[in-house]
Protein backbone atom coordinates (compact mmCIF):
# COMPACT_ATOMS: atom_id res chain seq x y z
CA MET A 1 32.49 -13.29 -0.35
CA LYS A 2 33.55 -11.55 -3.53
CA SER A 3 34.16 -7.81 -3.50
CA LEU A 4 31.29 -5.61 -4.71
CA LEU A 5 33.55 -2.68 -5.56
CA ILE A 6 33.42 -1.31 -9.09
CA LYS A 7 37.14 -1.94 -9.61
CA ASP A 8 36.63 -5.63 -8.81
CA THR A 9 33.53 -6.28 -10.94
CA THR A 10 32.41 -6.10 -14.54
CA LYS A 11 29.26 -4.31 -15.63
CA GLU A 12 27.56 -7.68 -16.13
CA GLU A 13 28.50 -8.75 -12.61
CA ARG A 14 27.15 -5.49 -11.18
CA GLU A 15 23.87 -5.98 -13.05
CA GLN A 16 23.62 -9.45 -11.54
CA ILE A 17 24.45 -8.16 -8.04
CA VAL A 18 21.67 -5.57 -8.23
CA ALA A 19 19.18 -8.03 -9.72
CA GLU A 20 19.85 -10.61 -7.01
CA SER A 21 19.76 -8.00 -4.24
CA ILE A 22 16.47 -6.43 -5.28
CA GLY A 23 14.67 -9.59 -6.31
CA ASN A 24 12.00 -9.92 -8.97
CA ILE A 25 11.56 -6.40 -10.34
CA SER A 26 9.14 -7.52 -13.04
CA GLY A 27 6.67 -8.99 -10.56
CA SER A 28 3.21 -7.59 -10.06
CA CYS A 29 3.75 -4.91 -7.46
CA ASP A 30 2.86 -1.24 -7.29
CA GLY A 31 5.83 -0.23 -9.44
CA CYS A 32 8.19 0.58 -6.59
CA MET A 33 10.77 -2.04 -7.53
CA ALA A 34 11.46 -0.56 -10.96
CA GLY A 35 12.32 2.77 -9.30
CA LEU A 36 14.58 0.95 -6.90
CA ALA A 37 16.42 -0.68 -9.78
CA ASP A 38 16.89 2.72 -11.43
CA MET A 39 18.44 4.01 -8.21
CA TYR A 40 21.36 1.60 -8.68
CA GLN A 41 22.04 2.41 -12.35
CA ASP A 42 25.09 4.55 -11.46
CA TYR A 43 26.60 1.51 -9.71
CA ILE A 44 25.89 -0.73 -12.69
CA ASP A 45 27.47 1.86 -15.00
CA GLY A 46 30.54 2.10 -12.77
CA LYS A 47 29.97 5.72 -11.74
CA CYS A 48 29.25 5.34 -8.03
CA GLU A 49 29.85 2.62 -5.45
CA ILE A 50 26.81 0.83 -4.08
CA ARG A 51 27.66 1.98 -0.55
CA GLU A 52 27.52 5.64 -1.63
CA ILE A 53 24.12 5.15 -3.26
CA ASN A 54 22.77 3.49 -0.12
CA MET A 55 24.14 6.28 2.07
CA ARG A 56 22.53 8.97 -0.12
CA PHE A 57 19.19 7.18 -0.02
CA ARG A 58 19.33 6.78 3.74
CA ALA A 59 20.29 10.43 4.28
CA ASN A 60 17.37 11.63 2.13
CA TYR A 61 14.94 9.27 3.86
CA GLU A 62 15.94 10.32 7.37
CA SER A 63 15.76 14.03 6.66
CA ALA A 64 12.52 14.09 4.66
CA ASP A 65 9.63 16.15 6.06
CA GLY A 66 11.18 16.62 9.48
CA LEU A 67 10.56 13.02 10.48
CA ASN A 68 13.52 13.17 12.85
CA ASP A 69 11.52 15.58 15.03
CA ARG A 70 8.84 13.00 15.81
CA ASN A 71 8.98 11.09 19.06
CA HIS A 72 6.41 8.45 18.08
CA CYS A 73 5.14 6.73 14.96
CA GLY A 74 1.93 8.72 14.71
CA TYR A 75 -0.41 5.74 14.94
CA ALA A 76 -0.85 5.89 18.69
CA ASN A 77 -2.82 8.71 20.28
């Protein structure tokens, strides 16, 4: 497998990596995929490694609205 690091890829390769990873962002969905593509623009531009972007996203998701305090999914009574 080829390295995904910025130092080992060109901008065009990074664009392709993101496009292949996300899938069809122009498909008919609720618009969430376009936002996901924007999230990786710093990687494409060579400003931030893809791993760092994923870690930031995960950290924000886990800490949002105190979800870590829940002990169940909320669907069961």
